[in-house]
N, C-alpha and C. Protein backbone atom coordinates (compact mmCIF):
# COMPACT_ATOMS: atom_id res chain seq x y z
N UNK A 1 0.79 -1.13 0.15
CA UNK A 1 -0.09 -0.06 0.08
C UNK A 1 0.98 1.34 -0.08
N UNK A 2 0.59 2.23 -0.73
CA UNK A 2 1.29 3.43 -0.94
C UNK A 2 0.96 4.40 0.30
N UNK A 3 2.16 4.93 0.75
CA UNK A 3 1.94 5.88 1.91
C UNK A 3 1.92 7.28 1.35
N UNK A 4 0.67 7.84 1.36
CA UNK A 4 0.53 9.09 0.69
C UNK A 4 1.08 10.36 1.68
N UNK A 5 1.55 10.11 2.90
CA UNK A 5 2.17 10.92 3.67
C UNK A 5 3.63 11.08 3.39
N UNK A 6 4.03 10.27 2.80
CA UNK A 6 5.63 10.08 2.53
C UNK A 6 5.92 9.76 1.03
N UNK A 7 6.82 10.63 0.48
CA UNK A 7 7.38 10.47 -0.92
C UNK A 7 8.06 9.08 -0.83
N UNK A 8 7.78 8.39 -1.93
CA UNK A 8 8.69 7.13 -2.09
C UNK A 8 10.04 7.55 -2.62
N UNK A 9 11.11 7.01 -2.07
CA UNK A 9 12.30 7.06 -2.55
C UNK A 9 12.69 6.10 -3.69
N UNK A 10 12.76 6.52 -4.88
CA UNK A 10 13.07 5.66 -6.08
C UNK A 10 14.39 5.85 -6.54
N UNK A 11 15.21 4.88 -6.64
CA UNK A 11 16.57 4.97 -7.14
C UNK A 11 16.61 4.36 -8.51
N UNK A 12 17.37 4.92 -9.29
CA UNK A 12 17.56 4.42 -10.65
C UNK A 12 19.07 3.97 -10.90
N UNK A 13 19.09 2.69 -11.52
CA UNK A 13 20.36 2.12 -11.73
C UNK A 13 20.52 1.88 -13.27
N UNK A 14 21.42 2.45 -13.94
CA UNK A 14 21.53 2.25 -15.38
C UNK A 14 22.97 1.70 -15.74
N UNK A 15 23.33 1.46 -16.94
CA UNK A 15 24.66 0.89 -17.31
C UNK A 15 25.77 2.13 -17.39
N UNK A 16 25.22 3.30 -17.34
CA UNK A 16 26.08 4.42 -17.30
C UNK A 16 25.51 5.52 -16.36
N UNK A 17 25.93 5.86 -15.39
CA UNK A 17 25.29 6.77 -14.62
C UNK A 17 24.99 8.24 -15.06
N UNK A 18 25.89 8.56 -15.81
CA UNK A 18 25.70 9.99 -16.54
C UNK A 18 24.72 9.84 -17.95
N UNK A 19 25.27 8.76 -18.74
CA UNK A 19 24.65 8.81 -20.02
C UNK A 19 23.17 8.23 -20.04
N UNK A 20 23.19 7.05 -19.33
CA UNK A 20 21.82 6.40 -19.17
C UNK A 20 20.83 6.73 -18.06
N UNK A 21 21.44 6.50 -16.76
CA UNK A 21 20.57 6.88 -15.70
C UNK A 21 20.13 8.11 -15.56
N UNK A 22 21.00 9.10 -15.84
CA UNK A 22 20.56 10.57 -15.60
C UNK A 22 19.76 10.99 -16.78
N UNK A 23 19.92 10.39 -17.98
CA UNK A 23 19.05 10.75 -18.96
C UNK A 23 17.60 10.25 -18.78
N UNK A 24 17.55 8.90 -18.20
CA UNK A 24 16.36 8.16 -17.87
C UNK A 24 15.69 8.96 -16.81
N UNK A 25 16.24 9.49 -15.63
CA UNK A 25 15.74 10.18 -14.72
C UNK A 25 15.12 11.60 -15.22
N UNK A 26 15.97 12.14 -16.15
CA UNK A 26 15.43 13.43 -16.70
C UNK A 26 14.18 13.27 -17.63
N UNK A 27 14.00 12.21 -18.29
CA UNK A 27 12.82 11.97 -19.01
C UNK A 27 11.59 11.68 -18.00
N UNK A 28 11.97 10.92 -17.15
CA UNK A 28 10.93 10.45 -16.10
C UNK A 28 10.32 11.62 -15.23
N UNK A 29 11.29 12.65 -14.98
CA UNK A 29 10.83 13.70 -14.20
C UNK A 29 9.98 14.68 -14.99
N UNK A 30 9.84 14.55 -16.20
CA UNK A 30 8.83 15.29 -17.04
C UNK A 30 7.51 14.91 -16.79
N UNK A 31 7.20 13.85 -16.20
CA UNK A 31 5.76 13.46 -15.72
C UNK A 31 5.67 13.67 -14.30
N UNK A 32 4.55 13.90 -13.90
CA UNK A 32 4.24 14.46 -12.51
C UNK A 32 4.00 13.13 -11.59
N UNK A 33 4.98 12.86 -10.74
CA UNK A 33 4.84 11.84 -9.75
C UNK A 33 5.18 12.52 -8.32
N UNK A 34 4.09 13.21 -7.88
CA UNK A 34 4.18 13.93 -6.43
C UNK A 34 4.47 13.00 -5.28
N UNK A 35 4.27 11.80 -5.41
CA UNK A 35 4.65 10.87 -4.32
C UNK A 35 5.94 10.15 -4.47
N UNK A 36 6.75 10.64 -5.33
CA UNK A 36 7.99 9.93 -5.49
C UNK A 36 9.28 10.83 -5.79
N UNK A 37 10.40 10.37 -5.15
CA UNK A 37 11.48 11.19 -5.44
C UNK A 37 12.64 10.29 -6.08
N UNK A 38 13.06 10.70 -7.14
CA UNK A 38 14.14 9.83 -7.84
C UNK A 38 15.46 10.23 -7.62
N UNK A 39 16.49 9.37 -7.56
CA UNK A 39 17.91 9.74 -7.26
C UNK A 39 18.56 8.54 -8.03
N UNK A 40 19.91 8.73 -8.00
CA UNK A 40 20.84 8.00 -8.69
C UNK A 40 21.99 7.66 -7.67
N UNK A 41 21.81 6.81 -6.69
CA UNK A 41 22.80 6.76 -5.66
C UNK A 41 24.06 5.84 -5.96
N UNK A 42 23.91 4.98 -7.05
CA UNK A 42 24.96 3.93 -7.33
C UNK A 42 25.59 4.60 -8.50
N UNK A 43 26.96 4.88 -8.66
CA UNK A 43 27.64 5.49 -9.68
C UNK A 43 28.77 4.63 -9.86
N UNK A 44 29.22 3.62 -9.31
CA UNK A 44 30.41 2.84 -9.51
C UNK A 44 30.16 1.48 -10.10
N UNK A 45 28.96 1.12 -10.60
CA UNK A 45 28.63 0.08 -11.33
C UNK A 45 28.37 0.45 -12.83
N UNK A 46 29.24 -0.13 -13.76
CA UNK A 46 29.03 0.38 -15.10
C UNK A 46 29.11 -0.91 -16.04
N UNK A 47 28.35 -0.79 -17.28
CA UNK A 47 28.36 -1.82 -18.31
C UNK A 47 28.37 -3.21 -17.95
N UNK A 48 29.31 -3.84 -18.24
CA UNK A 48 29.39 -5.25 -17.82
C UNK A 48 29.48 -5.88 -16.37
N UNK A 49 29.87 -4.76 -15.59
CA UNK A 49 30.04 -4.95 -14.18
C UNK A 49 28.45 -5.44 -13.77
N UNK A 50 27.57 -5.00 -14.39
CA UNK A 50 26.00 -5.15 -13.99
C UNK A 50 25.63 -6.74 -14.26
N UNK A 51 26.49 -7.23 -15.15
CA UNK A 51 26.15 -8.74 -15.51
C UNK A 51 26.29 -9.61 -14.36
N UNK A 52 27.01 -9.32 -13.12
CA UNK A 52 27.11 -10.17 -12.27
C UNK A 52 25.96 -9.81 -11.12
N UNK A 53 24.96 -10.73 -10.94
CA UNK A 53 23.79 -10.40 -10.04
C UNK A 53 24.22 -10.04 -8.75
N UNK A 54 25.13 -10.97 -8.17
CA UNK A 54 25.55 -10.77 -6.69
C UNK A 54 26.22 -9.45 -6.49
N UNK A 55 26.96 -8.84 -7.35
CA UNK A 55 27.54 -7.57 -7.22
C UNK A 55 26.48 -6.60 -7.30
N UNK A 56 25.62 -6.70 -8.13
CA UNK A 56 24.43 -5.72 -8.25
C UNK A 56 23.55 -5.84 -6.95
N UNK A 57 23.21 -7.05 -6.47
CA UNK A 57 22.30 -7.20 -5.24
C UNK A 57 23.25 -6.45 -4.13
N UNK A 58 24.50 -6.73 -3.96
CA UNK A 58 25.03 -6.28 -2.79
C UNK A 58 25.11 -4.66 -2.76
N UNK A 59 25.32 -4.03 -3.86
CA UNK A 59 25.44 -2.66 -3.95
C UNK A 59 24.01 -2.22 -3.65
N UNK A 60 22.82 -2.70 -4.33
CA UNK A 60 21.64 -2.27 -3.95
C UNK A 60 21.02 -2.29 -2.69
N UNK A 61 21.39 -3.50 -1.92
CA UNK A 61 20.97 -3.79 -0.51
C UNK A 61 21.74 -2.80 0.37
N UNK A 62 23.10 -2.39 0.13
CA UNK A 62 23.67 -1.38 0.91
C UNK A 62 23.01 0.07 0.75
N UNK A 63 22.68 0.23 -0.41
CA UNK A 63 22.26 1.73 -0.51
C UNK A 63 20.81 1.76 -0.17
N UNK A 64 19.95 0.62 -0.17
CA UNK A 64 18.48 0.53 0.41
C UNK A 64 18.55 0.80 1.79
N UNK A 65 19.49 0.32 2.40
CA UNK A 65 19.84 0.24 4.08
C UNK A 65 20.35 1.70 4.34
N UNK A 66 21.18 2.18 3.74
CA UNK A 66 21.73 3.63 4.10
C UNK A 66 20.96 4.61 3.74
N UNK A 67 20.27 4.67 2.71
CA UNK A 67 19.42 5.79 2.14
C UNK A 67 17.97 5.43 2.24
N UNK A 68 17.61 4.50 2.78
CA UNK A 68 15.88 4.04 3.02
C UNK A 68 15.24 3.99 1.59
N UNK A 69 15.86 3.42 0.52
CA UNK A 69 15.32 3.39 -0.67
C UNK A 69 14.02 2.54 -0.68
N UNK A 70 13.04 2.82 -1.27
CA UNK A 70 11.89 2.06 -1.38
C UNK A 70 11.70 1.07 -2.51
N UNK A 71 12.30 1.61 -3.76
CA UNK A 71 12.09 0.96 -4.97
C UNK A 71 13.36 1.18 -5.81
N UNK A 72 13.82 0.38 -6.71
CA UNK A 72 14.88 0.54 -7.55
C UNK A 72 14.41 0.36 -9.18
N UNK A 73 14.60 1.39 -9.76
CA UNK A 73 14.33 1.12 -11.30
C UNK A 73 15.60 0.80 -11.72
N UNK A 74 15.63 -0.46 -12.49
CA UNK A 74 16.92 -0.92 -13.04
C UNK A 74 16.60 -0.89 -14.63
N UNK A 75 17.51 -0.06 -15.20
CA UNK A 75 17.61 -0.01 -16.63
C UNK A 75 18.74 -0.61 -17.26
N UNK A 76 18.49 -1.53 -18.19
CA UNK A 76 19.53 -2.26 -18.98
C UNK A 76 19.21 -2.29 -20.45
N UNK A 77 20.20 -2.09 -21.24
CA UNK A 77 19.96 -2.17 -22.76
C UNK A 77 19.92 -3.61 -23.18
N UNK A 78 18.94 -3.91 -24.09
CA UNK A 78 18.97 -5.27 -24.64
C UNK A 78 19.99 -5.53 -25.67
N UNK A 79 20.40 -4.32 -26.45
CA UNK A 79 21.36 -4.44 -27.50
C UNK A 79 20.76 -5.36 -28.53
N UNK A 80 19.54 -5.24 -28.81
CA UNK A 80 18.87 -6.05 -29.77
C UNK A 80 17.35 -5.69 -29.84
N UNK A 81 16.67 -6.43 -30.65
CA UNK A 81 15.31 -6.10 -30.72
C UNK A 81 14.52 -7.18 -30.33
N UNK A 82 13.11 -7.13 -30.14
CA UNK A 82 12.39 -8.00 -29.57
C UNK A 82 12.36 -9.46 -30.23
N UNK A 83 12.43 -9.58 -31.56
CA UNK A 83 12.52 -10.96 -32.11
C UNK A 83 13.69 -11.67 -31.70
N UNK A 84 14.71 -11.21 -31.06
CA UNK A 84 15.93 -11.90 -30.42
C UNK A 84 15.40 -12.36 -29.04
N UNK A 85 14.71 -13.33 -28.93
CA UNK A 85 14.00 -13.65 -27.72
C UNK A 85 15.13 -14.35 -26.80
N UNK A 86 16.03 -14.97 -27.42
CA UNK A 86 17.15 -15.34 -26.30
C UNK A 86 17.67 -14.27 -25.49
N UNK A 87 18.07 -13.17 -26.16
CA UNK A 87 18.54 -11.96 -25.49
C UNK A 87 17.63 -11.52 -24.36
N UNK A 88 16.31 -11.39 -24.92
CA UNK A 88 15.20 -11.01 -23.98
C UNK A 88 15.16 -11.78 -22.56
N UNK A 89 15.10 -13.03 -23.08
CA UNK A 89 15.14 -14.23 -21.85
C UNK A 89 16.22 -14.13 -21.00
N UNK A 90 17.42 -13.88 -21.59
CA UNK A 90 18.69 -13.65 -20.69
C UNK A 90 18.51 -12.54 -19.66
N UNK A 91 18.04 -11.29 -20.32
CA UNK A 91 18.01 -10.09 -19.39
C UNK A 91 16.94 -10.33 -18.39
N UNK A 92 15.74 -10.97 -18.72
CA UNK A 92 14.64 -11.20 -17.75
C UNK A 92 15.21 -11.99 -16.56
N UNK A 93 15.98 -13.11 -17.08
CA UNK A 93 16.35 -13.98 -16.06
C UNK A 93 17.36 -13.33 -15.07
N UNK A 94 18.22 -12.48 -15.57
CA UNK A 94 19.09 -11.65 -14.83
C UNK A 94 18.47 -10.75 -13.85
N UNK A 95 17.41 -10.12 -14.44
CA UNK A 95 16.61 -9.22 -13.35
C UNK A 95 15.85 -9.95 -12.44
N UNK A 96 15.30 -11.01 -12.64
CA UNK A 96 14.69 -12.10 -11.70
C UNK A 96 15.50 -12.35 -10.66
N UNK A 97 16.84 -12.79 -10.92
CA UNK A 97 17.80 -13.03 -9.94
C UNK A 97 18.13 -11.95 -9.02
N UNK A 98 18.27 -10.71 -9.70
CA UNK A 98 18.49 -9.52 -8.85
C UNK A 98 17.22 -9.10 -8.13
N UNK A 99 16.14 -9.12 -8.62
CA UNK A 99 14.95 -8.75 -7.88
C UNK A 99 14.69 -9.56 -6.73
N UNK A 100 14.98 -10.98 -6.80
CA UNK A 100 14.73 -11.83 -5.76
C UNK A 100 15.81 -11.45 -4.59
N UNK A 101 16.95 -11.13 -4.88
CA UNK A 101 17.88 -10.70 -4.03
C UNK A 101 17.68 -9.47 -3.23
N UNK A 102 16.77 -8.47 -3.75
CA UNK A 102 16.47 -7.28 -3.31
C UNK A 102 15.09 -7.27 -2.88
N UNK A 103 14.75 -8.31 -2.38
CA UNK A 103 13.20 -8.50 -1.89
C UNK A 103 12.32 -7.83 -2.71
N UNK A 104 12.24 -8.17 -4.01
CA UNK A 104 11.36 -7.90 -4.99
C UNK A 104 11.02 -6.37 -5.01
N UNK A 105 12.01 -5.56 -4.70
CA UNK A 105 11.79 -4.16 -4.67
C UNK A 105 12.39 -3.46 -6.06
N UNK A 106 12.53 -4.30 -7.23
CA UNK A 106 12.92 -3.80 -8.47
C UNK A 106 11.85 -3.53 -9.43
N UNK A 107 11.88 -2.59 -10.32
CA UNK A 107 11.27 -2.15 -11.36
C UNK A 107 12.10 -2.24 -12.44
N UNK A 108 11.83 -3.11 -13.64
CA UNK A 108 12.64 -3.31 -14.63
C UNK A 108 12.19 -2.53 -15.95
N UNK A 109 13.27 -1.80 -16.55
CA UNK A 109 12.97 -1.31 -17.79
C UNK A 109 14.08 -1.75 -18.73
N UNK A 110 13.44 -2.73 -19.83
CA UNK A 110 14.69 -3.17 -20.63
C UNK A 110 14.61 -2.36 -21.82
N UNK A 111 15.65 -1.50 -22.05
CA UNK A 111 15.82 -0.52 -23.24
C UNK A 111 15.95 -1.32 -24.56
N UNK A 112 14.94 -1.27 -25.34
CA UNK A 112 15.06 -1.92 -26.75
C UNK A 112 15.18 -0.86 -27.70
N UNK A 113 16.41 -0.98 -28.55
CA UNK A 113 17.50 -1.70 -28.28
C UNK A 113 18.47 -0.97 -27.31
N UNK A 114 18.34 0.35 -27.27
CA UNK A 114 19.28 1.11 -26.36
C UNK A 114 18.43 2.48 -25.90
N UNK A 115 18.99 3.18 -25.06
CA UNK A 115 18.34 4.25 -24.71
C UNK A 115 18.21 5.27 -25.75
N UNK A 116 19.08 5.32 -26.70
CA UNK A 116 18.97 6.16 -27.81
C UNK A 116 17.55 6.07 -28.65
N UNK A 117 16.84 4.98 -28.49
CA UNK A 117 15.63 4.86 -29.16
C UNK A 117 14.54 5.68 -28.53
N UNK A 118 14.59 6.04 -27.21
CA UNK A 118 13.97 7.07 -26.69
C UNK A 118 14.14 8.45 -27.38
N UNK A 119 15.40 8.70 -27.49
CA UNK A 119 15.76 10.16 -28.41
C UNK A 119 15.01 10.16 -29.64
N UNK A 120 15.16 8.91 -30.23
CA UNK A 120 14.60 8.95 -31.66
C UNK A 120 13.10 8.93 -31.74
N UNK A 121 12.47 8.92 -30.51
CA UNK A 121 10.95 9.08 -30.51
C UNK A 121 10.39 10.50 -30.55
N UNK A 122 11.44 11.43 -30.54
CA UNK A 122 11.11 12.79 -30.73
C UNK A 122 12.16 13.37 -31.84
N UNK A 123 11.77 13.07 -32.96
CA UNK A 123 12.74 13.39 -34.11
C UNK A 123 12.76 14.93 -34.39
N UNK A 124 11.74 15.64 -33.89
CA UNK A 124 11.87 17.01 -34.05
C UNK A 124 13.01 17.67 -33.25
N UNK A 125 13.04 17.16 -31.94
CA UNK A 125 14.04 17.78 -31.07
C UNK A 125 15.55 17.27 -31.70
N UNK A 126 15.67 16.13 -32.20
CA UNK A 126 16.95 15.70 -32.96
C UNK A 126 17.35 16.53 -34.01
N UNK A 127 16.34 16.77 -34.86
CA UNK A 127 16.52 17.61 -36.12
C UNK A 127 17.12 19.02 -35.64
N UNK A 128 16.43 19.58 -34.63
CA UNK A 128 16.64 20.93 -34.24
C UNK A 128 18.12 20.97 -33.56
N UNK A 129 18.48 19.96 -32.92
CA UNK A 129 19.66 19.69 -32.14
C UNK A 129 20.97 19.70 -33.25
N UNK A 130 20.71 18.78 -34.22
CA UNK A 130 21.75 18.44 -35.14
C UNK A 130 21.61 19.09 -36.51
N UNK A 131 20.55 19.91 -36.72
CA UNK A 131 20.34 20.37 -38.16
C UNK A 131 20.14 19.46 -39.11
N UNK A 132 19.46 18.33 -38.74
CA UNK A 132 19.06 17.38 -39.73
C UNK A 132 17.61 17.52 -40.19
N UNK A 133 17.11 16.76 -41.21
CA UNK A 133 15.66 16.81 -41.60
C UNK A 133 15.24 15.28 -41.67
N UNK A 134 15.50 14.61 -40.57
CA UNK A 134 15.12 13.00 -40.48
C UNK A 134 13.57 12.96 -40.37
N UNK A 135 12.85 12.03 -41.01
CA UNK A 135 11.48 11.67 -40.72
C UNK A 135 11.35 11.00 -39.35
N UNK A 136 10.14 11.06 -38.75
CA UNK A 136 9.87 10.24 -37.52
C UNK A 136 9.73 9.01 -37.95
N UNK A 137 10.54 8.10 -37.24
CA UNK A 137 10.34 6.58 -37.30
C UNK A 137 9.20 6.13 -36.81
N UNK A 138 8.39 5.25 -37.61
CA UNK A 138 7.03 4.65 -37.11
C UNK A 138 7.18 4.13 -35.70
N UNK A 139 8.10 3.40 -35.30
CA UNK A 139 8.39 3.00 -33.88
C UNK A 139 9.81 2.79 -33.64
N UNK A 140 10.59 3.68 -32.88
CA UNK A 140 11.86 3.44 -32.78
C UNK A 140 12.36 2.35 -31.97
N UNK A 141 11.38 1.61 -31.38
CA UNK A 141 11.61 0.28 -30.69
C UNK A 141 12.14 -0.78 -31.71
N UNK A 142 11.81 -0.45 -32.78
CA UNK A 142 12.23 -1.50 -33.96
C UNK A 142 13.57 -1.32 -34.55
N UNK A 143 14.17 -0.11 -34.28
CA UNK A 143 15.47 0.14 -34.71
C UNK A 143 16.58 -0.75 -34.20
N UNK A 144 17.39 -1.56 -34.96
CA UNK A 144 18.12 -2.43 -34.29
C UNK A 144 19.32 -1.86 -33.63
N UNK A 145 19.78 -0.74 -34.16
CA UNK A 145 20.97 -0.08 -33.55
C UNK A 145 20.87 1.36 -33.52
N UNK A 146 20.01 1.90 -32.54
CA UNK A 146 19.64 3.34 -32.44
C UNK A 146 20.98 4.25 -32.24
N UNK A 147 21.81 3.79 -31.47
CA UNK A 147 23.13 4.56 -31.18
C UNK A 147 23.87 4.74 -32.47
N UNK A 148 23.91 3.61 -33.29
CA UNK A 148 24.76 3.89 -34.49
C UNK A 148 23.78 4.85 -35.57
N UNK A 149 22.54 4.60 -35.46
CA UNK A 149 21.59 5.44 -36.38
C UNK A 149 21.80 6.78 -36.03
N UNK A 150 21.75 7.30 -34.74
CA UNK A 150 22.01 8.63 -34.41
C UNK A 150 23.49 9.16 -34.91
N UNK A 151 24.43 8.37 -34.63
CA UNK A 151 25.80 8.69 -35.17
C UNK A 151 26.07 8.82 -36.49
N UNK A 152 25.22 7.96 -37.30
CA UNK A 152 25.23 7.98 -38.77
C UNK A 152 24.58 9.17 -39.24
N UNK A 153 23.25 9.48 -38.92
CA UNK A 153 22.50 10.46 -39.32
C UNK A 153 22.90 11.85 -39.09
N UNK A 154 23.73 12.00 -37.93
CA UNK A 154 24.32 13.13 -37.57
C UNK A 154 25.71 13.42 -37.98
N UNK A 155 26.28 12.55 -38.73
CA UNK A 155 27.78 12.67 -38.85
C UNK A 155 28.17 14.00 -39.62
N UNK A 156 27.25 14.67 -40.30
CA UNK A 156 27.59 15.69 -40.98
C UNK A 156 27.36 17.00 -40.25
N UNK A 157 26.89 16.92 -38.95
CA UNK A 157 26.74 18.08 -38.18
C UNK A 157 27.89 18.39 -37.57
N UNK A 158 27.77 19.86 -37.05
CA UNK A 158 29.11 20.42 -36.48
C UNK A 158 29.67 19.56 -35.36
N UNK A 159 28.61 18.94 -34.52
CA UNK A 159 28.99 18.20 -33.47
C UNK A 159 28.06 16.97 -33.45
N UNK A 160 28.53 15.74 -34.41
CA UNK A 160 27.88 14.57 -34.35
C UNK A 160 27.43 14.01 -33.00
N UNK A 161 26.34 13.08 -33.00
CA UNK A 161 26.08 12.56 -31.83
C UNK A 161 27.10 11.79 -31.15
N UNK A 162 27.09 11.79 -29.75
CA UNK A 162 27.91 10.95 -28.92
C UNK A 162 27.03 10.73 -27.82
N UNK A 163 27.43 9.40 -27.24
CA UNK A 163 26.61 8.89 -26.03
C UNK A 163 26.46 10.02 -25.00
N UNK A 164 27.66 10.83 -24.84
CA UNK A 164 27.67 11.73 -23.77
C UNK A 164 26.61 12.93 -23.95
N UNK A 165 26.06 13.00 -25.03
CA UNK A 165 25.09 13.90 -25.46
C UNK A 165 23.71 13.55 -24.91
N UNK A 166 23.53 12.31 -24.54
CA UNK A 166 22.30 11.85 -24.25
C UNK A 166 21.58 12.77 -23.00
N UNK A 167 22.23 12.84 -21.96
CA UNK A 167 21.75 13.54 -20.96
C UNK A 167 21.18 14.92 -21.26
N UNK A 168 21.83 15.67 -22.18
CA UNK A 168 21.54 17.12 -22.45
C UNK A 168 20.48 17.02 -23.37
N UNK A 169 20.40 16.21 -24.26
CA UNK A 169 19.25 16.12 -25.31
C UNK A 169 18.08 15.83 -24.74
N UNK A 170 18.07 14.87 -23.64
CA UNK A 170 16.92 14.53 -23.11
C UNK A 170 16.14 15.64 -22.24
N UNK A 171 16.90 16.51 -22.04
CA UNK A 171 16.24 17.73 -21.33
C UNK A 171 15.37 18.40 -22.20
N UNK A 172 15.69 18.19 -23.58
CA UNK A 172 14.71 18.96 -24.54
C UNK A 172 13.52 17.98 -25.12
N UNK A 173 13.77 16.68 -24.77
CA UNK A 173 12.97 15.72 -25.46
C UNK A 173 11.46 16.01 -24.99
N UNK A 174 10.45 15.76 -25.75
CA UNK A 174 9.06 15.82 -25.37
C UNK A 174 8.51 14.63 -24.82
N UNK A 175 8.08 14.59 -23.61
CA UNK A 175 7.91 13.28 -22.94
C UNK A 175 6.80 12.63 -23.81
N UNK A 176 5.68 13.46 -23.98
CA UNK A 176 4.34 12.95 -24.78
C UNK A 176 4.82 12.31 -26.06
N UNK A 177 5.77 12.84 -26.69
CA UNK A 177 6.09 12.27 -28.08
C UNK A 177 6.72 10.98 -27.79
N UNK A 178 7.65 10.96 -26.69
CA UNK A 178 8.12 9.49 -26.44
C UNK A 178 7.16 8.37 -26.11
N UNK A 179 6.18 8.81 -25.30
CA UNK A 179 5.07 8.03 -24.83
C UNK A 179 4.19 7.65 -26.03
N UNK A 180 3.96 8.44 -27.05
CA UNK A 180 3.10 8.16 -28.05
C UNK A 180 3.92 7.30 -28.97
N UNK A 181 5.07 7.64 -29.34
CA UNK A 181 5.90 6.69 -30.50
C UNK A 181 6.54 5.52 -30.12
N UNK A 182 7.14 5.54 -28.76
CA UNK A 182 7.84 4.34 -28.33
C UNK A 182 6.65 3.33 -27.60
N UNK A 183 6.11 2.53 -28.51
CA UNK A 183 4.95 1.65 -28.08
C UNK A 183 5.06 0.27 -28.49
N UNK A 184 4.09 -0.58 -27.70
CA UNK A 184 4.14 -1.91 -27.95
C UNK A 184 4.97 -2.63 -26.85
N UNK A 185 4.87 -3.92 -27.13
CA UNK A 185 5.66 -4.85 -26.07
C UNK A 185 6.90 -4.31 -25.53
N UNK A 186 7.18 -4.23 -24.21
CA UNK A 186 8.42 -3.70 -23.71
C UNK A 186 8.80 -2.43 -24.06
N UNK A 187 7.84 -1.56 -24.30
CA UNK A 187 8.25 -0.21 -24.81
C UNK A 187 8.20 0.77 -23.48
N UNK A 188 8.54 2.02 -23.78
CA UNK A 188 8.46 2.93 -22.76
C UNK A 188 6.96 3.33 -22.29
N UNK A 189 6.19 3.16 -23.34
CA UNK A 189 4.69 3.35 -23.01
C UNK A 189 4.24 2.33 -22.13
N UNK A 190 4.60 1.00 -22.41
CA UNK A 190 4.22 0.06 -21.42
C UNK A 190 4.83 0.11 -20.01
N UNK A 191 6.11 0.80 -19.94
CA UNK A 191 6.72 0.89 -18.63
C UNK A 191 5.99 1.83 -17.85
N UNK A 192 5.74 2.89 -18.41
CA UNK A 192 5.13 4.14 -17.82
C UNK A 192 3.78 3.72 -17.27
N UNK A 193 2.88 2.90 -18.05
CA UNK A 193 1.70 2.51 -17.54
C UNK A 193 1.89 1.64 -16.29
N UNK A 194 2.94 0.77 -16.35
CA UNK A 194 3.12 0.07 -14.98
C UNK A 194 3.63 0.83 -13.93
N UNK A 195 4.43 1.83 -14.17
CA UNK A 195 4.99 2.78 -13.26
C UNK A 195 3.77 3.62 -12.49
N UNK A 196 2.91 3.97 -13.51
CA UNK A 196 1.90 4.72 -13.05
C UNK A 196 0.94 3.95 -11.82
N UNK A 197 0.63 2.70 -12.25
CA UNK A 197 0.05 1.78 -11.28
C UNK A 197 0.68 1.68 -10.05
N UNK A 198 1.97 1.82 -10.09
CA UNK A 198 2.92 1.57 -8.77
C UNK A 198 2.94 2.87 -8.01
N UNK A 199 3.19 4.03 -8.57
CA UNK A 199 3.41 5.21 -8.03
C UNK A 199 2.27 6.33 -7.85
N UNK A 200 1.27 6.07 -8.72
CA UNK A 200 0.11 7.11 -8.63
C UNK A 200 -1.04 6.70 -7.67
């Protein structure tokens, strides 16, 4: 049961604290969650280090205890698309192990294929940032390599896309466009629907 007198402390863990987790928090905070406070307390686990469930569990349990965290949003890249079911299964099994170890306090967001797909959900902002004239993709969740897509499509810009741009671009991204365009199974739209049920 949600305690309406107290804001839930929600921590976010991503594969890179600055590029992924901060960008994810920036987008999330564009939606009103008056009963929640988001933070990124773990900054020393990155990339492949997250592949070891025991290490992730240990870090999360320490932070939960020290900072009284209620929930942990865990963001992992699939580095593939939904038809690659073995990859999806592998990531889901990884999360199940972690979640069991942290007393089922995890909320999983499987980024298909990568966080950059969220940026490509608002192509107007991308075009404005990089001086491109790219059309809106029907659904960025189906782009096999959105990071490469952004790099390739912006390579003639004065400052072509780099992953370190992710956080700054996300500040300009329109939340509703991401919600409308990143849709379907395991999408941001599905994640927000689930999060709304938990936090609102």
